[in-house]
Amino acid sequence: MSDPTPVRRHGRFWLYAPFVLLVLLAAGWSGIWGFARSKVDQELDAGITREAKAGRNWTCRERSVGGYPFRIEVRCASLTLTSSRWGDEVKVDAGPAVAVAQVWTPGHIILQMTGPMLANLPQGRKAALDWKELAASLHLSGLAFERFSLVLGEPVLTVTEPGQGAAETWRASAAEAHLRPNPQRFASEGTVDLAVNAKGGVLPALEVLIGNGQPADLDLQTSLSRAPSFRRGFNPDALEAWRTAGGILDVTKLVLTKGPTRLEASGQLALDEAHRPAGKVVAAVAGVDRIAGIKVGGLTAGLGALLGGRTGDGGQSNTAAGLSPLPPLVLREGRVFLGPLRLPLQPLQPLY
């Protein structure tokens, strides 16, 4: 005989609940991402407007904002910067570029760009920078800048000066640069630290000085005071503000290795009233017989006798093991001097 008690059916709510919850979360996340995308678009438009008021006009061709669901990507088919604020028009053209930030770390932005970058500069100068790979990283804390890093694979920089004949070309197998506020000196002096490293570099002007035909490796560490002068860009107005504020580029470490040659140096540089680099660098060298055709041993000994046995700069010395101190390298009135001797290099041009 069968049991007449009806069988209780279990509801199917818990069977479908995870899927319903997933749909709701996806819809909510889509709304949040869409809001973030809209804010990025608004900030880009506002930034371009601010730059235009400052005399710099940016063009991001075929701009798009994507990256759903976990990233925000801003893409440009090409980038162009133009400015005629300082008389001659400045124009910089670059290839496709993309800036990426994860939604949960919006203060860490990665930039990738395809070369070349072409620049038409004041006084008829032209520059072209190309590379195999470029990646840049920007760290922000709120609106405060924390660190910027740039890595270039096989960079090639060509600079053309009107009336100077052949263009100057610098190339390297790899190069990188890192910029950050100095933890102790930024608040009081506006000082930022810059480190540059390049491997396998080839520069014709360096061959004129040393001439051993070997590629060069560079390790440079500097501090730049009065850096807030450049908040509105690296341009003549900013450079003049930096100069008049007493800005100094302090080269704390420069190590150049070129085949058997090794150069170590430190010093300070600034801009003179004609807007040319000026300053003094103390250096020591090993593994080289001549600099710009001048015998190092004879130059050091002769100047040492002339200066009473001193070839360095007073208390500063770069006499590490195996290095011979050189007379100070002085940039003065647009010329480069090694001690009292003027080196056979092209005159230094005003930066603006």
Protein backbone atom coordinates (compact mmCIF):
# COMPACT_ATOMS: atom_id res chain seq x y z
CA MET A 1 0.00 0.00 0.00
CA SER A 2 1.52 3.41 -1.09
CA ASP A 3 2.15 6.32 1.31
CA PRO A 4 -0.46 9.04 0.62
CA THR A 5 1.79 11.81 2.09
CA PRO A 6 2.79 14.19 -0.80
CA VAL A 7 6.51 14.56 -1.56
CA ARG A 8 7.79 18.09 -0.76
CA ARG A 9 9.63 19.62 -3.69
CA HIS A 10 12.79 21.62 -2.90
CA GLY A 11 12.95 25.10 -4.45
CA ARG A 12 15.53 25.77 -7.15
CA PHE A 13 16.60 29.18 -5.78
CA TRP A 14 19.98 28.00 -4.49
CA LEU A 15 20.65 26.28 -7.78
CA TYR A 16 20.38 29.54 -9.72
CA ALA A 17 21.53 31.97 -7.02
CA PRO A 18 25.29 31.84 -7.89
CA PHE A 19 24.54 32.61 -11.53
CA VAL A 20 22.20 35.48 -10.63
CA LEU A 21 24.83 36.88 -8.25
CA LEU A 22 27.48 36.61 -10.95
CA VAL A 23 25.29 38.51 -13.41
CA LEU A 24 24.63 41.24 -10.84
CA LEU A 25 28.34 41.56 -10.02
CA ALA A 26 29.23 41.73 -13.72
CA ALA A 27 26.60 44.42 -14.29
CA GLY A 28 27.84 46.39 -11.29
CA TRP A 29 31.49 46.07 -12.35
CA SER A 30 30.59 47.14 -15.89
CA GLY A 31 28.96 50.25 -14.46
CA ILE A 32 32.03 51.04 -12.33
CA TRP A 33 34.39 50.49 -15.29
CA GLY A 34 32.21 52.61 -17.55
CA PHE A 35 32.25 55.43 -14.99
CA ALA A 36 36.07 55.19 -14.73
CA ARG A 37 36.35 55.25 -18.53
CA SER A 38 34.19 58.37 -18.67
CA LYS A 39 36.33 60.09 -16.01
CA VAL A 40 39.52 59.28 -17.93
CA ASP A 41 38.02 60.79 -21.08
CA GLN A 42 37.05 63.93 -19.17
CA GLU A 43 40.49 64.27 -17.56
CA LEU A 44 42.20 63.85 -20.93
CA ASP A 45 40.05 66.58 -22.47
CA ALA A 46 40.69 68.87 -19.48
CA GLY A 47 44.43 68.21 -19.64
CA ILE A 48 44.59 68.97 -23.36
CA THR A 49 42.69 72.23 -22.72
CA ARG A 50 45.11 73.24 -19.94
CA GLU A 51 48.08 72.50 -22.17
CA ALA A 52 46.60 74.56 -24.99
CA LYS A 53 46.25 77.55 -22.64
CA ALA A 54 49.95 77.14 -21.81
CA GLY A 55 50.82 77.28 -25.50
CA ARG A 56 51.23 73.54 -26.12
CA ASN A 57 48.79 71.81 -28.45
CA TRP A 58 48.53 68.03 -28.21
CA THR A 59 46.84 65.88 -30.83
CA CYS A 60 46.02 62.23 -30.13
CA ARG A 61 44.73 60.88 -33.43
CA GLU A 62 41.99 58.25 -33.29
CA ARG A 63 41.95 58.33 -29.50
CA SER A 64 40.20 55.43 -27.83
CA VAL A 65 39.74 54.34 -24.22
CA GLY A 66 39.31 50.61 -23.62
CA GLY A 67 40.76 47.72 -21.62
CA TYR A 68 37.56 46.27 -20.13
CA PRO A 69 37.24 44.55 -17.71
CA PHE A 70 40.33 45.06 -15.54
CA ARG A 71 42.40 47.77 -17.25
CA ILE A 72 42.06 51.29 -18.56
CA GLU A 73 43.88 51.70 -21.87
CA VAL A 74 44.26 54.96 -23.76
CA ARG A 75 45.40 54.48 -27.36
CA CYS A 76 46.50 57.01 -29.98
CA ALA A 77 47.20 56.16 -33.61
CA SER A 78 49.87 58.92 -33.39
CA LEU A 79 50.85 61.78 -31.11
CA THR A 80 51.71 65.35 -32.10
CA LEU A 81 52.84 68.29 -29.99
CA THR A 82 53.06 71.76 -31.52
CA SER A 83 53.94 75.10 -29.97
CA SER A 84 54.87 78.50 -31.36
CA ARG A 85 54.99 80.33 -28.07
CA TRP A 86 58.70 81.11 -28.33
CA GLY A 87 58.86 82.43 -31.89
CA ASP A 88 59.97 79.47 -33.98
CA GLU A 89 57.43 76.68 -34.02
CA VAL A 90 58.29 73.51 -32.14
CA LYS A 91 56.70 70.35 -33.50
CA VAL A 92 57.15 66.81 -32.26
CA ASP A 93 55.56 63.83 -34.02
CA ALA A 94 55.48 60.32 -32.55
CA GLY A 95 53.99 57.03 -33.67
CA PRO A 96 51.27 54.87 -32.09
CA ALA A 97 51.15 55.01 -28.29
CA VAL A 98 49.22 53.24 -25.54
CA ALA A 99 48.99 54.07 -21.81
CA VAL A 100 47.73 51.33 -19.49
CA ALA A 101 46.70 51.29 -15.81
CA GLN A 102 45.12 48.46 -13.83
CA VAL A 103 41.80 49.43 -12.29
CA TRP A 104 43.01 48.54 -8.78
CA THR A 105 46.33 50.46 -9.17
CA PRO A 106 45.36 53.62 -11.12
CA GLY A 107 48.49 55.42 -9.88
CA HIS A 108 50.81 53.07 -11.79
CA ILE A 109 50.74 53.89 -15.50
CA ILE A 110 52.65 51.98 -18.20
CA LEU A 111 53.36 53.70 -21.53
CA GLN A 112 54.46 52.02 -24.75
CA MET A 113 55.23 53.86 -27.98
CA THR A 114 56.31 53.02 -31.51
CA GLY A 115 59.07 55.10 -33.09
CA PRO A 116 60.37 57.18 -34.61
CA MET A 117 59.89 60.48 -32.78
CA LEU A 118 60.63 63.47 -35.02
CA ALA A 119 61.20 66.99 -33.71
CA ASN A 120 61.48 70.34 -35.50
CA LEU A 121 63.17 72.68 -33.00
CA PRO A 122 63.90 76.41 -32.85
CA GLN A 123 66.69 77.90 -34.98
CA GLY A 124 66.23 75.25 -37.67
CA ARG A 125 67.39 72.30 -35.58
CA LYS A 126 65.99 68.84 -36.19
CA ALA A 127 66.12 65.71 -34.08
CA ALA A 128 64.97 62.16 -34.68
CA LEU A 129 64.80 59.46 -32.01
CA ASP A 130 64.07 55.87 -32.97
CA TRP A 131 64.15 52.64 -31.00
CA LYS A 132 63.34 48.96 -31.19
CA GLU A 133 61.37 48.95 -27.94
CA LEU A 134 60.17 51.68 -25.57
CA ALA A 135 58.48 51.23 -22.21
CA ALA A 136 57.88 53.89 -19.57
CA SER A 137 56.46 53.63 -16.07
CA LEU A 138 54.94 56.45 -14.01
CA HIS A 139 54.09 56.10 -10.31
CA LEU A 140 51.72 58.61 -8.73
CA SER A 141 50.44 58.94 -5.18
CA GLY A 142 47.21 60.83 -5.61
CA LEU A 143 48.34 63.75 -7.76
CA ALA A 144 51.91 63.65 -6.38
CA PHE A 145 54.72 62.32 -8.57
CA GLU A 146 56.74 59.47 -7.02
CA ARG A 147 58.88 57.94 -9.74
CA PHE A 148 59.30 57.81 -13.53
CA SER A 149 61.28 55.16 -15.43
CA LEU A 150 62.07 54.87 -19.14
CA VAL A 151 63.65 51.90 -20.90
CA LEU A 152 64.77 52.00 -24.54
CA GLY A 153 65.93 49.09 -26.66
CA GLU A 154 68.47 49.98 -29.38
CA PRO A 155 67.86 53.76 -29.36
CA VAL A 156 69.24 55.95 -32.16
CA LEU A 157 69.29 59.74 -31.79
CA THR A 158 70.15 61.96 -34.77
CA VAL A 159 70.56 65.73 -34.36
CA THR A 160 70.90 68.11 -37.31
CA GLU A 161 72.23 71.64 -36.81
CA PRO A 162 71.77 74.14 -39.68
CA GLY A 163 75.10 74.96 -41.29
CA GLN A 164 76.94 72.19 -39.42
CA GLY A 165 77.17 69.71 -42.30
CA ALA A 166 76.60 66.07 -41.40
CA ALA A 167 74.18 65.21 -38.61
CA GLU A 168 75.44 63.92 -35.26
CA THR A 169 74.19 60.41 -34.43
CA TRP A 170 74.25 58.62 -31.09
CA ARG A 171 73.21 55.00 -30.78
CA ALA A 172 73.25 52.36 -28.07
CA SER A 173 72.21 48.76 -27.57
CA ALA A 174 70.09 49.73 -24.55
CA ALA A 175 69.40 52.76 -22.38
CA GLU A 176 67.29 53.55 -19.34
CA ALA A 177 66.54 56.54 -17.13
CA HIS A 178 64.97 56.87 -13.68
CA LEU A 179 63.65 60.08 -12.08
CA ARG A 180 62.38 60.63 -8.52
CA PRO A 181 62.09 63.44 -5.95
CA ASN A 182 65.06 63.55 -3.58
CA PRO A 183 63.73 62.41 -0.17
CA GLN A 184 65.87 64.89 1.80
CA ARG A 185 66.10 67.90 -0.53
CA PHE A 186 62.88 68.09 -2.51
CA ALA A 187 60.87 70.00 0.09
CA SER A 188 63.56 72.67 0.66
CA GLU A 189 65.32 72.90 -2.73
CA GLY A 190 62.95 71.20 -5.17
CA THR A 191 65.68 68.66 -5.95
CA VAL A 192 65.06 65.53 -8.01
CA ASP A 193 67.45 62.64 -8.64
CA LEU A 194 68.12 61.36 -12.15
CA ALA A 195 69.97 58.15 -13.02
CA VAL A 196 70.88 57.26 -16.62
CA ASN A 197 72.45 54.04 -17.83
CA ALA A 198 73.42 53.22 -21.41
CA LYS A 199 75.13 50.15 -22.88
CA GLY A 200 77.01 49.83 -26.18
CA GLY A 201 76.90 53.54 -26.99
CA VAL A 202 78.51 55.04 -30.10
CA LEU A 203 78.98 58.82 -30.33
CA PRO A 204 81.24 60.55 -32.91
CA ALA A 205 82.19 63.38 -30.51
CA LEU A 206 83.47 60.77 -28.05
CA GLU A 207 85.58 59.21 -30.79
CA VAL A 208 87.17 62.64 -31.36
CA LEU A 209 88.19 62.72 -27.69
CA ILE A 210 89.30 59.10 -27.18
CA GLY A 211 89.12 57.36 -30.54
CA ASN A 212 89.65 53.67 -29.70
CA GLY A 213 86.71 52.53 -31.83
CA GLN A 214 85.01 50.64 -28.97
CA PRO A 215 81.38 51.07 -27.88
CA ALA A 216 80.89 52.87 -24.57
CA ASP A 217 78.92 52.09 -21.41
CA LEU A 218 77.63 55.00 -19.32
CA ASP A 219 76.52 55.13 -15.69
CA LEU A 220 75.35 58.62 -14.66
CA GLN A 221 73.80 59.80 -11.39
CA THR A 222 72.77 63.42 -10.96
CA SER A 223 70.66 65.72 -8.80
CA LEU A 224 68.75 68.66 -10.26
CA SER A 225 67.85 71.52 -7.93
CA ARG A 226 64.90 73.90 -8.55
CA ALA A 227 63.16 71.17 -10.54
CA PRO A 228 59.64 72.64 -10.03
CA SER A 229 60.65 75.16 -12.72
CA PHE A 230 59.92 72.35 -15.21
CA ARG A 231 56.38 71.58 -14.04
CA ARG A 232 55.01 73.19 -17.20
CA GLY A 233 57.34 71.25 -19.47
CA PHE A 234 60.89 71.30 -20.75
CA ASN A 235 60.84 74.51 -22.76
CA PRO A 236 62.61 77.89 -22.97
CA ASP A 237 60.36 79.50 -20.36
CA ALA A 238 61.06 76.66 -17.92
CA LEU A 239 64.80 76.68 -18.64
CA GLU A 240 64.99 80.44 -18.07
CA ALA A 241 63.02 80.14 -14.82
CA TRP A 242 65.40 77.37 -13.72
CA ARG A 243 68.47 79.45 -14.61
CA THR A 244 67.30 82.60 -12.84
CA ALA A 245 66.32 80.55 -9.77
CA GLY A 246 69.92 79.38 -9.50
CA GLY A 247 69.28 75.83 -10.63
CA ILE A 248 72.26 73.46 -10.54
CA LEU A 249 72.81 70.07 -12.15
CA ASP A 250 75.01 68.23 -9.67
CA VAL A 251 76.80 65.30 -11.33
CA THR A 252 77.45 63.08 -8.35
CA LYS A 253 78.73 60.12 -10.38
CA LEU A 254 79.73 59.63 -13.98
CA VAL A 255 81.46 56.42 -15.05
CA LEU A 256 82.25 55.93 -18.74
CA THR A 257 83.82 52.68 -19.93
CA LYS A 258 84.99 52.46 -23.54
CA GLY A 259 87.00 49.36 -24.31
CA PRO A 260 90.17 49.59 -22.16
CA THR A 261 89.36 53.21 -21.26
CA ARG A 262 87.62 54.14 -18.04
CA LEU A 263 86.62 57.66 -17.04
CA GLU A 264 85.19 58.69 -13.68
CA ALA A 265 83.97 62.22 -13.05
CA SER A 266 81.86 64.51 -10.87
CA GLY A 267 81.03 68.20 -10.94
CA GLN A 268 78.36 70.85 -11.31
CA LEU A 269 76.73 72.38 -14.38
CA ALA A 270 74.36 75.29 -14.93
CA LEU A 271 73.38 77.72 -17.71
CA ASP A 272 75.23 80.96 -18.42
CA GLU A 273 73.60 84.26 -19.42
CA ALA A 274 73.80 83.23 -23.08
CA HIS A 275 71.84 80.06 -22.20
CA ARG A 276 74.78 77.71 -22.82
CA PRO A 277 75.94 74.89 -20.51
CA ALA A 278 78.64 76.10 -18.11
CA GLY A 279 80.47 74.61 -15.15
CA LYS A 280 83.37 72.45 -14.05
CA VAL A 281 83.88 68.70 -13.94
CA VAL A 282 86.71 66.90 -12.11
CA ALA A 283 87.75 63.64 -13.77
CA ALA A 284 90.24 60.81 -13.66
CA VAL A 285 91.02 58.36 -16.45
CA ALA A 286 92.69 55.00 -17.07
CA GLY A 287 93.55 53.00 -20.17
CA VAL A 288 93.95 55.92 -22.59
CA ASP A 289 97.09 57.55 -23.98
CA ARG A 290 95.55 60.55 -25.70
CA ILE A 291 92.52 62.78 -25.32
CA ALA A 292 91.66 64.80 -28.43
CA GLY A 293 95.14 63.98 -29.76
CA ILE A 294 96.91 65.28 -26.63
CA LYS A 295 99.10 62.81 -24.72
CA VAL A 296 97.53 62.30 -21.30
CA GLY A 297 100.79 61.61 -19.48
CA GLY A 298 102.55 64.68 -20.84
CA LEU A 299 99.49 66.89 -20.27
CA THR A 300 99.04 65.74 -16.67
CA ALA A 301 102.74 66.04 -15.83
CA GLY A 302 103.15 69.42 -17.56
CA LEU A 303 100.08 70.95 -15.97
CA GLY A 304 100.96 69.39 -12.63
CA ALA A 305 104.29 71.17 -12.69
CA LEU A 306 102.65 74.39 -13.85
CA LEU A 307 100.05 74.23 -11.09
CA GLY A 308 102.46 73.19 -8.36
CA GLY A 309 101.73 69.47 -8.54
CA ARG A 310 97.92 69.91 -8.57
CA THR A 311 95.86 68.74 -11.55
CA GLY A 312 92.55 68.20 -9.78
CA ASP A 313 90.18 70.62 -8.14
CA GLY A 314 91.39 71.24 -4.64
CA GLY A 315 89.70 68.91 -2.19
CA GLN A 316 87.91 66.85 -4.84
CA SER A 317 89.68 63.85 -6.29
CA ASN A 318 88.87 60.91 -8.53
CA THR A 319 92.06 58.98 -7.81
CA ALA A 320 90.53 55.52 -7.54
CA ALA A 321 92.89 52.59 -8.03
CA GLY A 322 94.45 52.68 -11.50
CA LEU A 323 93.02 56.10 -12.41
CA SER A 324 95.10 59.17 -13.22
CA PRO A 325 93.58 62.56 -12.32
CA LEU A 326 93.07 65.00 -15.19
CA PRO A 327 92.98 68.79 -15.21
CA PRO A 328 89.44 70.11 -14.61
CA LEU A 329 87.09 69.98 -17.60
CA VAL A 330 85.59 73.46 -17.82
CA LEU A 331 82.65 74.66 -19.92
CA ARG A 332 83.03 78.40 -20.31
CA GLU A 333 81.71 80.91 -22.83
CA GLY A 334 80.51 78.15 -25.12
CA ARG A 335 83.87 76.34 -25.23
CA VAL A 336 85.23 73.18 -23.61
CA PHE A 337 88.61 73.43 -21.84
CA LEU A 338 90.83 70.74 -20.35
CA GLY A 339 92.76 72.80 -17.83
CA PRO A 340 93.91 75.87 -19.77
CA LEU A 341 93.75 74.05 -23.15
CA ARG A 342 90.70 74.45 -25.37
CA LEU A 343 89.56 71.15 -26.87
CA PRO A 344 88.96 71.01 -30.65
CA LEU A 345 85.17 70.59 -30.39
CA GLN A 346 82.30 72.49 -31.96
CA PRO A 347 81.19 75.53 -29.88
CA LEU A 348 78.39 74.82 -27.42
CA GLN A 349 75.09 76.18 -28.70
CA PRO A 350 72.47 77.99 -26.59
CA LEU A 351 69.76 75.63 -25.45
CA TYR A 352 67.07 78.24 -26.16
